[in-house]
Structures are given as structure tokens and as C-alpha cells.
Amino acid sequence: MERSASWWRGTRGEWYVVVQGLLLALVVFGPRTLPPIPAWGARIGALASTVGLALMLAGCALAVAGLAGLGRANLTALPYPRAESTLVITGPYRIVRNPIYSGLIFASFGWALWVNSWLTLGYALLLFALFDVKARREERWLAEKFPGYGAYQARVKKLIPWVY
């Protein structure tokens, strides 16, 4: 099942990783405001920053737990599963099928709230949409590789624990 084509052909999902990196950079380093977009008020800003900090911490914890739960044999930046990979459904994978993506999504929304930026919220939404599409493709490959993946999909949500 391991493919050995050139990376620029994207046969293992390389372009998803490139776009993901660009969107993560945009979330962290992109412009925060544009002239027609109003700034947040002080009261809303303080509350948003507090909620944002909590989301960032929870998101980072979930992403790190997802990384740790995968183990070396399964860990790859690409959505295409490694030949020696196994299906992981324990740890954070019991509550969400893609905890690394989920953690990065939560952390991105948290960062947008922390910096009080409507524009950064938009970038975080784009990142969420990308992870949704990337996870959909990745899960087709996982379903091909692991016969029990369909039952796991039916039982556990994709990106937002217990919700979606």
C-alpha cells in the first residue's frame, strides 16, 4: 500500500500538508485586521482572550495526546497511512477520530480569540474546512487498509468530540 511517487504529484496527500502549513502560518502570523473590519470592544476582548487561552491549552493538549497516542509506526505528516501502521482507537482516539487535527483547530480558534481578531477567526475557519476535507480523504485510505474502520467511524465523531 506504500506509494513511491514523487512528492509533487501528491499521491499520498502531500498538497494537503503544504496548504495546512500555509494556513497555520496565516493563523499565527497573518494580518489581524483590514480597514472595513471593526475591532473588538474591551469587554468582549477580555472575555474572548480568556476563552481563547482555554481553547489554546485544550487544543494543544489534545494534539499532543493524539501525537503520543499514534506511536512511531503510525506517525506521518501525510494523510496516506504508512505500510506498517495499525489502527489506533484508544486514548484520545476514543473521543475523536482525528485528535491532532481537532487540537490544531481548537488552538487556532483559541489564538483568534486571544488576539481578538475577526480576520484570524476567518483563517481558523479555513483551516477547519481544510482539515475536514483532508480527514475525509485520509479516512477513505484508512477504510481501505483497516476492515474495522467503518464501525469506528460510526461510533466516534470526526473533528469535534461528541459533536462532528
N, C-alpha and C. Protein backbone atom coordinates (compact mmCIF):
# COMPACT_ATOMS: atom_id res chain seq x y z
N MET A 1 0.82 -1.19 0.00
CA MET A 1 0.00 0.00 0.00
C MET A 1 0.87 1.26 0.00
N GLU A 2 2.12 1.17 0.34
CA GLU A 2 3.02 2.31 0.36
C GLU A 2 3.26 2.77 -1.08
N ARG A 3 3.13 4.04 -1.34
CA ARG A 3 3.34 4.57 -2.68
C ARG A 3 4.69 5.26 -2.75
N SER A 4 5.35 5.15 -3.88
CA SER A 4 6.69 5.74 -4.00
C SER A 4 6.76 6.71 -5.17
N ALA A 5 5.77 7.56 -5.34
CA ALA A 5 5.80 8.56 -6.40
C ALA A 5 6.44 9.84 -5.87
N SER A 6 6.80 10.71 -6.78
CA SER A 6 7.40 11.98 -6.40
C SER A 6 6.41 12.80 -5.58
N TRP A 7 6.92 13.55 -4.60
CA TRP A 7 6.06 14.30 -3.68
C TRP A 7 5.18 15.31 -4.40
N TRP A 8 5.66 15.90 -5.47
CA TRP A 8 4.90 16.97 -6.12
C TRP A 8 3.66 16.43 -6.85
N ARG A 9 3.58 15.14 -7.03
CA ARG A 9 2.39 14.56 -7.66
C ARG A 9 1.24 14.44 -6.66
N GLY A 10 1.56 14.45 -5.39
CA GLY A 10 0.53 14.46 -4.35
C GLY A 10 -0.22 13.16 -4.17
N THR A 11 0.37 12.04 -4.53
CA THR A 11 -0.35 10.76 -4.45
C THR A 11 -0.60 10.28 -3.03
N ARG A 12 0.11 10.84 -2.05
CA ARG A 12 -0.09 10.46 -0.64
C ARG A 12 -0.65 11.61 0.18
N GLY A 13 -1.15 12.64 -0.51
CA GLY A 13 -1.76 13.77 0.19
C GLY A 13 -0.78 14.88 0.53
N GLU A 14 0.32 14.97 -0.20
CA GLU A 14 1.33 15.99 0.10
C GLU A 14 0.79 17.41 0.03
N TRP A 15 -0.10 17.68 -0.91
CA TRP A 15 -0.61 19.05 -1.05
C TRP A 15 -1.47 19.47 0.13
N TYR A 16 -2.12 18.52 0.75
CA TYR A 16 -2.87 18.86 1.96
C TYR A 16 -1.93 19.40 3.03
N VAL A 17 -0.77 18.78 3.15
CA VAL A 17 0.20 19.18 4.17
C VAL A 17 0.77 20.56 3.85
N VAL A 18 1.03 20.83 2.57
CA VAL A 18 1.55 22.15 2.16
C VAL A 18 0.53 23.23 2.49
N VAL A 19 -0.73 23.02 2.10
CA VAL A 19 -1.78 24.02 2.36
C VAL A 19 -2.01 24.16 3.86
N GLN A 20 -1.98 23.06 4.58
CA GLN A 20 -2.13 23.09 6.04
C GLN A 20 -1.05 23.97 6.66
N GLY A 21 0.18 23.81 6.25
CA GLY A 21 1.28 24.63 6.78
C GLY A 21 1.08 26.10 6.48
N LEU A 22 0.64 26.40 5.26
CA LEU A 22 0.39 27.80 4.89
C LEU A 22 -0.74 28.40 5.72
N LEU A 23 -1.81 27.64 5.91
CA LEU A 23 -2.93 28.15 6.71
C LEU A 23 -2.56 28.31 8.18
N LEU A 24 -1.79 27.38 8.72
CA LEU A 24 -1.34 27.54 10.11
C LEU A 24 -0.47 28.78 10.26
N ALA A 25 0.40 29.02 9.28
CA ALA A 25 1.23 30.24 9.31
C ALA A 25 0.35 31.48 9.21
N LEU A 26 -0.69 31.43 8.39
CA LEU A 26 -1.61 32.57 8.26
C LEU A 26 -2.34 32.83 9.57
N VAL A 27 -2.76 31.77 10.24
CA VAL A 27 -3.44 31.93 11.54
C VAL A 27 -2.51 32.64 12.52
N VAL A 28 -1.27 32.20 12.60
CA VAL A 28 -0.35 32.74 13.61
C VAL A 28 0.24 34.09 13.21
N PHE A 29 0.63 34.22 11.94
CA PHE A 29 1.38 35.40 11.52
C PHE A 29 0.63 36.34 10.58
N GLY A 30 -0.56 35.94 10.13
CA GLY A 30 -1.30 36.74 9.15
C GLY A 30 -1.81 38.05 9.72
N PRO A 31 -2.26 38.93 8.82
CA PRO A 31 -2.81 40.21 9.28
C PRO A 31 -4.02 39.99 10.18
N ARG A 32 -4.17 40.83 11.17
CA ARG A 32 -5.25 40.69 12.15
C ARG A 32 -6.48 41.54 11.80
N THR A 33 -6.26 42.62 11.08
CA THR A 33 -7.39 43.49 10.74
C THR A 33 -7.24 44.01 9.32
N LEU A 34 -8.36 44.41 8.77
CA LEU A 34 -8.42 45.12 7.50
C LEU A 34 -9.31 46.33 7.75
N PRO A 35 -9.12 47.41 7.03
CA PRO A 35 -9.89 48.64 7.31
C PRO A 35 -11.40 48.48 7.49
N PRO A 36 -12.11 47.70 6.69
CA PRO A 36 -13.56 47.66 6.92
C PRO A 36 -14.01 46.78 8.09
N ILE A 37 -13.10 46.01 8.67
CA ILE A 37 -13.47 45.10 9.75
C ILE A 37 -13.26 45.80 11.09
N PRO A 38 -14.31 45.97 11.89
CA PRO A 38 -14.18 46.69 13.16
C PRO A 38 -13.39 45.89 14.20
N ALA A 39 -12.77 46.62 15.11
CA ALA A 39 -12.04 45.98 16.22
C ALA A 39 -13.05 45.54 17.28
N TRP A 40 -12.62 44.64 18.15
CA TRP A 40 -13.47 44.17 19.23
C TRP A 40 -13.45 45.18 20.36
N GLY A 41 -14.55 45.29 21.07
CA GLY A 41 -14.62 46.16 22.24
C GLY A 41 -13.83 45.57 23.39
N ALA A 42 -13.52 46.40 24.38
CA ALA A 42 -12.69 45.98 25.52
C ALA A 42 -13.35 44.86 26.33
N ARG A 43 -14.66 44.97 26.58
CA ARG A 43 -15.33 43.94 27.39
C ARG A 43 -15.36 42.60 26.66
N ILE A 44 -15.70 42.63 25.39
CA ILE A 44 -15.73 41.40 24.59
C ILE A 44 -14.32 40.87 24.43
N GLY A 45 -13.36 41.76 24.23
CA GLY A 45 -11.97 41.35 24.04
C GLY A 45 -11.41 40.60 25.24
N ALA A 46 -11.69 41.06 26.44
CA ALA A 46 -11.18 40.41 27.64
C ALA A 46 -11.78 39.01 27.80
N LEU A 47 -13.08 38.89 27.58
CA LEU A 47 -13.74 37.59 27.66
C LEU A 47 -13.22 36.66 26.57
N ALA A 48 -13.10 37.18 25.36
CA ALA A 48 -12.60 36.38 24.24
C ALA A 48 -11.19 35.88 24.51
N SER A 49 -10.34 36.73 25.07
CA SER A 49 -8.98 36.31 25.38
C SER A 49 -8.94 35.19 26.41
N THR A 50 -9.80 35.26 27.40
CA THR A 50 -9.86 34.21 28.42
C THR A 50 -10.33 32.89 27.82
N VAL A 51 -11.40 32.95 27.03
CA VAL A 51 -11.89 31.74 26.36
C VAL A 51 -10.84 31.23 25.38
N GLY A 52 -10.18 32.15 24.69
CA GLY A 52 -9.15 31.78 23.73
C GLY A 52 -7.99 31.05 24.38
N LEU A 53 -7.57 31.52 25.53
CA LEU A 53 -6.48 30.85 26.25
C LEU A 53 -6.88 29.42 26.62
N ALA A 54 -8.10 29.25 27.10
CA ALA A 54 -8.57 27.91 27.45
C ALA A 54 -8.62 27.00 26.22
N LEU A 55 -9.10 27.53 25.09
CA LEU A 55 -9.15 26.75 23.86
C LEU A 55 -7.75 26.38 23.37
N MET A 56 -6.82 27.33 23.45
CA MET A 56 -5.44 27.04 23.03
C MET A 56 -4.83 25.93 23.88
N LEU A 57 -5.00 26.01 25.18
CA LEU A 57 -4.44 25.00 26.07
C LEU A 57 -5.07 23.63 25.82
N ALA A 58 -6.40 23.61 25.70
CA ALA A 58 -7.09 22.34 25.43
C ALA A 58 -6.69 21.79 24.06
N GLY A 59 -6.61 22.66 23.08
CA GLY A 59 -6.23 22.22 21.73
C GLY A 59 -4.83 21.66 21.68
N CYS A 60 -3.90 22.34 22.32
CA CYS A 60 -2.51 21.85 22.35
C CYS A 60 -2.43 20.51 23.08
N ALA A 61 -3.15 20.38 24.19
CA ALA A 61 -3.15 19.12 24.94
C ALA A 61 -3.72 17.98 24.09
N LEU A 62 -4.80 18.25 23.38
CA LEU A 62 -5.42 17.22 22.54
C LEU A 62 -4.49 16.82 21.39
N ALA A 63 -3.86 17.80 20.75
CA ALA A 63 -2.94 17.50 19.64
C ALA A 63 -1.75 16.68 20.12
N VAL A 64 -1.18 17.06 21.26
CA VAL A 64 -0.03 16.32 21.80
C VAL A 64 -0.44 14.91 22.21
N ALA A 65 -1.61 14.77 22.81
CA ALA A 65 -2.11 13.44 23.18
C ALA A 65 -2.33 12.59 21.93
N GLY A 66 -2.83 13.21 20.86
CA GLY A 66 -3.02 12.49 19.61
C GLY A 66 -1.70 12.03 19.02
N LEU A 67 -0.70 12.90 19.05
CA LEU A 67 0.64 12.53 18.57
C LEU A 67 1.21 11.38 19.38
N ALA A 68 1.12 11.49 20.70
CA ALA A 68 1.65 10.45 21.57
C ALA A 68 0.90 9.13 21.39
N GLY A 69 -0.41 9.21 21.18
CA GLY A 69 -1.22 8.01 21.02
C GLY A 69 -0.96 7.25 19.74
N LEU A 70 -0.47 7.93 18.72
CA LEU A 70 -0.22 7.26 17.45
C LEU A 70 0.96 6.29 17.51
N GLY A 71 2.02 6.69 18.19
CA GLY A 71 3.22 5.87 18.20
C GLY A 71 4.01 6.04 16.92
N ARG A 72 5.25 5.61 16.93
CA ARG A 72 6.16 5.81 15.79
C ARG A 72 5.70 5.14 14.51
N ALA A 73 5.15 3.95 14.62
CA ALA A 73 4.77 3.22 13.42
C ALA A 73 3.67 3.91 12.63
N ASN A 74 2.86 4.69 13.29
CA ASN A 74 1.72 5.34 12.64
C ASN A 74 1.97 6.81 12.30
N LEU A 75 2.97 7.42 12.88
CA LEU A 75 3.17 8.86 12.76
C LEU A 75 3.70 9.25 11.38
N THR A 76 2.96 10.09 10.70
CA THR A 76 3.37 10.66 9.42
C THR A 76 2.62 11.97 9.23
N ALA A 77 3.26 12.93 8.58
CA ALA A 77 2.59 14.19 8.30
C ALA A 77 1.56 14.02 7.18
N LEU A 78 1.75 13.00 6.37
CA LEU A 78 0.87 12.78 5.23
C LEU A 78 -0.41 12.06 5.64
N PRO A 79 -1.50 12.33 4.94
CA PRO A 79 -2.74 11.62 5.28
C PRO A 79 -2.74 10.15 4.84
N TYR A 80 -1.86 9.78 3.95
CA TYR A 80 -1.79 8.39 3.49
C TYR A 80 -1.14 7.54 4.58
N PRO A 81 -1.78 6.43 5.01
CA PRO A 81 -1.22 5.63 6.11
C PRO A 81 0.07 4.91 5.69
N ARG A 82 0.98 4.79 6.64
CA ARG A 82 2.22 4.06 6.40
C ARG A 82 1.92 2.57 6.28
N ALA A 83 2.80 1.86 5.58
CA ALA A 83 2.60 0.43 5.36
C ALA A 83 2.54 -0.34 6.67
N GLU A 84 3.36 0.04 7.64
CA GLU A 84 3.43 -0.69 8.90
C GLU A 84 2.46 -0.17 9.97
N SER A 85 1.57 0.73 9.58
CA SER A 85 0.67 1.33 10.57
C SER A 85 -0.39 0.35 11.06
N THR A 86 -0.92 0.68 12.24
CA THR A 86 -2.02 -0.08 12.84
C THR A 86 -3.15 0.88 13.15
N LEU A 87 -4.34 0.37 13.32
CA LEU A 87 -5.48 1.22 13.65
C LEU A 87 -5.46 1.55 15.14
N VAL A 88 -5.44 2.84 15.46
CA VAL A 88 -5.43 3.30 16.85
C VAL A 88 -6.82 3.83 17.18
N ILE A 89 -7.45 3.25 18.20
CA ILE A 89 -8.79 3.69 18.63
C ILE A 89 -8.85 3.88 20.14
N THR A 90 -7.68 4.02 20.77
CA THR A 90 -7.61 4.20 22.22
C THR A 90 -7.09 5.60 22.53
N GLY A 91 -7.06 5.95 23.81
CA GLY A 91 -6.58 7.27 24.22
C GLY A 91 -7.51 8.34 23.66
N PRO A 92 -6.97 9.42 23.13
CA PRO A 92 -7.81 10.49 22.60
C PRO A 92 -8.61 10.06 21.37
N TYR A 93 -8.18 8.97 20.74
CA TYR A 93 -8.89 8.45 19.57
C TYR A 93 -10.23 7.79 19.96
N ARG A 94 -10.48 7.64 21.25
CA ARG A 94 -11.79 7.16 21.71
C ARG A 94 -12.84 8.26 21.62
N ILE A 95 -12.41 9.52 21.71
CA ILE A 95 -13.38 10.63 21.73
C ILE A 95 -13.47 11.38 20.41
N VAL A 96 -12.44 11.28 19.57
CA VAL A 96 -12.46 11.95 18.27
C VAL A 96 -11.49 11.21 17.34
N ARG A 97 -11.89 11.03 16.09
CA ARG A 97 -11.08 10.23 15.17
C ARG A 97 -9.79 10.93 14.75
N ASN A 98 -9.77 12.23 14.79
CA ASN A 98 -8.60 12.99 14.35
C ASN A 98 -8.18 14.00 15.42
N PRO A 99 -7.67 13.54 16.55
CA PRO A 99 -7.37 14.46 17.65
C PRO A 99 -6.26 15.48 17.33
N ILE A 100 -5.34 15.15 16.47
CA ILE A 100 -4.30 16.13 16.12
C ILE A 100 -4.94 17.28 15.35
N TYR A 101 -5.76 16.95 14.35
CA TYR A 101 -6.45 17.99 13.60
C TYR A 101 -7.37 18.79 14.53
N SER A 102 -8.11 18.08 15.37
CA SER A 102 -9.02 18.75 16.31
C SER A 102 -8.27 19.71 17.22
N GLY A 103 -7.15 19.25 17.75
CA GLY A 103 -6.35 20.09 18.62
C GLY A 103 -5.86 21.34 17.92
N LEU A 104 -5.40 21.18 16.68
CA LEU A 104 -4.94 22.35 15.92
C LEU A 104 -6.09 23.30 15.60
N ILE A 105 -7.26 22.75 15.34
CA ILE A 105 -8.43 23.59 15.10
C ILE A 105 -8.78 24.38 16.36
N PHE A 106 -8.88 23.69 17.50
CA PHE A 106 -9.20 24.38 18.76
C PHE A 106 -8.15 25.44 19.08
N ALA A 107 -6.88 25.10 18.92
CA ALA A 107 -5.81 26.05 19.21
C ALA A 107 -5.88 27.25 18.28
N SER A 108 -6.23 27.03 17.01
CA SER A 108 -6.35 28.14 16.05
C SER A 108 -7.50 29.07 16.41
N PHE A 109 -8.64 28.49 16.76
CA PHE A 109 -9.76 29.34 17.19
C PHE A 109 -9.42 30.05 18.50
N GLY A 110 -8.73 29.34 19.38
CA GLY A 110 -8.29 29.97 20.63
C GLY A 110 -7.35 31.14 20.37
N TRP A 111 -6.42 30.96 19.46
CA TRP A 111 -5.49 32.03 19.12
C TRP A 111 -6.24 33.25 18.55
N ALA A 112 -7.22 32.97 17.68
CA ALA A 112 -8.01 34.07 17.10
C ALA A 112 -8.74 34.84 18.18
N LEU A 113 -9.28 34.13 19.17
CA LEU A 113 -9.94 34.82 20.28
C LEU A 113 -8.93 35.55 21.16
N TRP A 114 -7.80 34.93 21.39
CA TRP A 114 -6.74 35.53 22.22
C TRP A 114 -6.28 36.86 21.64
N VAL A 115 -6.10 36.91 20.29
CA VAL A 115 -5.62 38.14 19.65
C VAL A 115 -6.76 39.06 19.25
N ASN A 116 -8.00 38.66 19.57
CA ASN A 116 -9.19 39.48 19.30
C ASN A 116 -9.29 39.88 17.84
N SER A 117 -9.25 38.90 16.96
CA SER A 117 -9.23 39.21 15.53
C SER A 117 -10.30 38.44 14.76
N TRP A 118 -11.22 39.21 14.16
CA TRP A 118 -12.22 38.61 13.30
C TRP A 118 -11.56 37.95 12.09
N LEU A 119 -10.55 38.59 11.57
CA LEU A 119 -9.86 38.07 10.39
C LEU A 119 -9.19 36.72 10.71
N THR A 120 -8.57 36.63 11.88
CA THR A 120 -7.93 35.37 12.27
C THR A 120 -8.98 34.28 12.51
N LEU A 121 -10.16 34.65 12.97
CA LEU A 121 -11.26 33.68 13.06
C LEU A 121 -11.58 33.12 11.68
N GLY A 122 -11.54 33.99 10.68
CA GLY A 122 -11.76 33.53 9.30
C GLY A 122 -10.69 32.56 8.85
N TYR A 123 -9.44 32.84 9.18
CA TYR A 123 -8.36 31.91 8.84
C TYR A 123 -8.57 30.57 9.53
N ALA A 124 -8.99 30.61 10.79
CA ALA A 124 -9.24 29.38 11.54
C ALA A 124 -10.38 28.58 10.90
N LEU A 125 -11.39 29.28 10.40
CA LEU A 125 -12.48 28.59 9.69
C LEU A 125 -11.96 27.91 8.42
N LEU A 126 -11.08 28.58 7.70
CA LEU A 126 -10.47 27.97 6.51
C LEU A 126 -9.67 26.73 6.89
N LEU A 127 -8.94 26.80 8.00
CA LEU A 127 -8.17 25.65 8.47
C LEU A 127 -9.11 24.50 8.84
N PHE A 128 -10.22 24.82 9.50
CA PHE A 128 -11.21 23.80 9.84
C PHE A 128 -11.72 23.12 8.56
N ALA A 129 -12.05 23.92 7.53
CA ALA A 129 -12.55 23.37 6.27
C ALA A 129 -11.49 22.47 5.63
N LEU A 130 -10.23 22.90 5.65
CA LEU A 130 -9.16 22.07 5.08
C LEU A 130 -9.04 20.75 5.83
N PHE A 131 -9.02 20.80 7.15
CA PHE A 131 -8.91 19.57 7.94
C PHE A 131 -10.10 18.64 7.70
N ASP A 132 -11.27 19.21 7.47
CA ASP A 132 -12.44 18.39 7.17
C ASP A 132 -12.23 17.64 5.85
N VAL A 133 -11.78 18.33 4.83
CA VAL A 133 -11.52 17.71 3.53
C VAL A 133 -10.37 16.72 3.62
N LYS A 134 -9.29 17.12 4.30
CA LYS A 134 -8.12 16.24 4.45
C LYS A 134 -8.50 14.97 5.21
N ALA A 135 -9.27 15.11 6.28
CA ALA A 135 -9.69 13.95 7.07
C ALA A 135 -10.57 13.03 6.24
N ARG A 136 -11.44 13.60 5.42
CA ARG A 136 -12.31 12.79 4.57
C ARG A 136 -11.47 11.92 3.63
N ARG A 137 -10.44 12.51 3.03
CA ARG A 137 -9.57 11.75 2.13
C ARG A 137 -8.77 10.69 2.91
N GLU A 138 -8.21 11.11 4.02
CA GLU A 138 -7.43 10.20 4.86
C GLU A 138 -8.27 9.01 5.30
N GLU A 139 -9.50 9.26 5.65
CA GLU A 139 -10.36 8.20 6.15
C GLU A 139 -10.77 7.22 5.05
N ARG A 140 -10.82 7.66 3.81
CA ARG A 140 -11.05 6.70 2.71
C ARG A 140 -9.88 5.73 2.63
N TRP A 141 -8.66 6.25 2.76
CA TRP A 141 -7.47 5.39 2.74
C TRP A 141 -7.46 4.45 3.95
N LEU A 142 -7.82 4.96 5.11
CA LEU A 142 -7.85 4.12 6.32
C LEU A 142 -8.90 3.03 6.21
N ALA A 143 -10.06 3.34 5.62
CA ALA A 143 -11.11 2.34 5.44
C ALA A 143 -10.66 1.24 4.48
N GLU A 144 -9.85 1.60 3.48
CA GLU A 144 -9.30 0.60 2.56
C GLU A 144 -8.32 -0.33 3.28
N LYS A 145 -7.55 0.24 4.19
CA LYS A 145 -6.50 -0.52 4.87
C LYS A 145 -7.02 -1.35 6.04
N PHE A 146 -7.98 -0.80 6.79
CA PHE A 146 -8.46 -1.45 8.01
C PHE A 146 -9.94 -1.81 7.90
N PRO A 147 -10.27 -3.09 7.88
CA PRO A 147 -11.68 -3.51 7.74
C PRO A 147 -12.59 -2.97 8.85
N GLY A 148 -12.09 -2.75 10.04
CA GLY A 148 -12.92 -2.28 11.14
C GLY A 148 -13.10 -0.77 11.20
N TYR A 149 -12.57 -0.06 10.23
CA TYR A 149 -12.62 1.40 10.30
C TYR A 149 -14.04 1.94 10.18
N GLY A 150 -14.88 1.30 9.39
CA GLY A 150 -16.26 1.77 9.22
C GLY A 150 -17.03 1.77 10.53
N ALA A 151 -16.86 0.73 11.32
CA ALA A 151 -17.53 0.65 12.62
C ALA A 151 -17.01 1.74 13.55
N TYR A 152 -15.72 1.99 13.51
CA TYR A 152 -15.10 3.05 14.31
C TYR A 152 -15.67 4.41 13.90
N GLN A 153 -15.79 4.65 12.59
CA GLN A 153 -16.36 5.91 12.10
C GLN A 153 -17.79 6.11 12.59
N ALA A 154 -18.54 5.05 12.62
CA ALA A 154 -19.94 5.14 13.06
C ALA A 154 -20.04 5.46 14.55
N ARG A 155 -19.03 5.10 15.30
CA ARG A 155 -19.05 5.24 16.76
C ARG A 155 -18.44 6.55 17.26
N VAL A 156 -17.43 7.08 16.55
CA VAL A 156 -16.65 8.22 17.05
C VAL A 156 -16.72 9.37 16.03
N LYS A 157 -16.91 10.59 16.52
CA LYS A 157 -17.01 11.77 15.66
C LYS A 157 -15.66 12.12 15.04
N LYS A 158 -15.70 12.85 13.93
CA LYS A 158 -14.51 13.11 13.13
C LYS A 158 -13.59 14.20 13.69
N LEU A 159 -14.12 15.40 13.96
CA LEU A 159 -13.26 16.54 14.31
C LEU A 159 -13.59 17.24 15.62
N ILE A 160 -14.84 17.23 16.00
CA ILE A 160 -15.23 17.89 17.25
C ILE A 160 -15.80 16.81 18.16
N PRO A 161 -15.11 16.51 19.27
CA PRO A 161 -15.57 15.41 20.12
C PRO A 161 -17.06 15.47 20.44
N TRP A 162 -17.74 14.35 20.24
CA TRP A 162 -19.15 14.15 20.53
C TRP A 162 -20.10 15.01 19.69
N VAL A 163 -19.57 15.84 18.78
CA VAL A 163 -20.43 16.75 18.00
C VAL A 163 -20.32 16.48 16.51
N TYR A 164 -19.10 16.54 15.93
CA TYR A 164 -18.91 16.40 14.48
C TYR A 164 -17.64 15.66 14.16
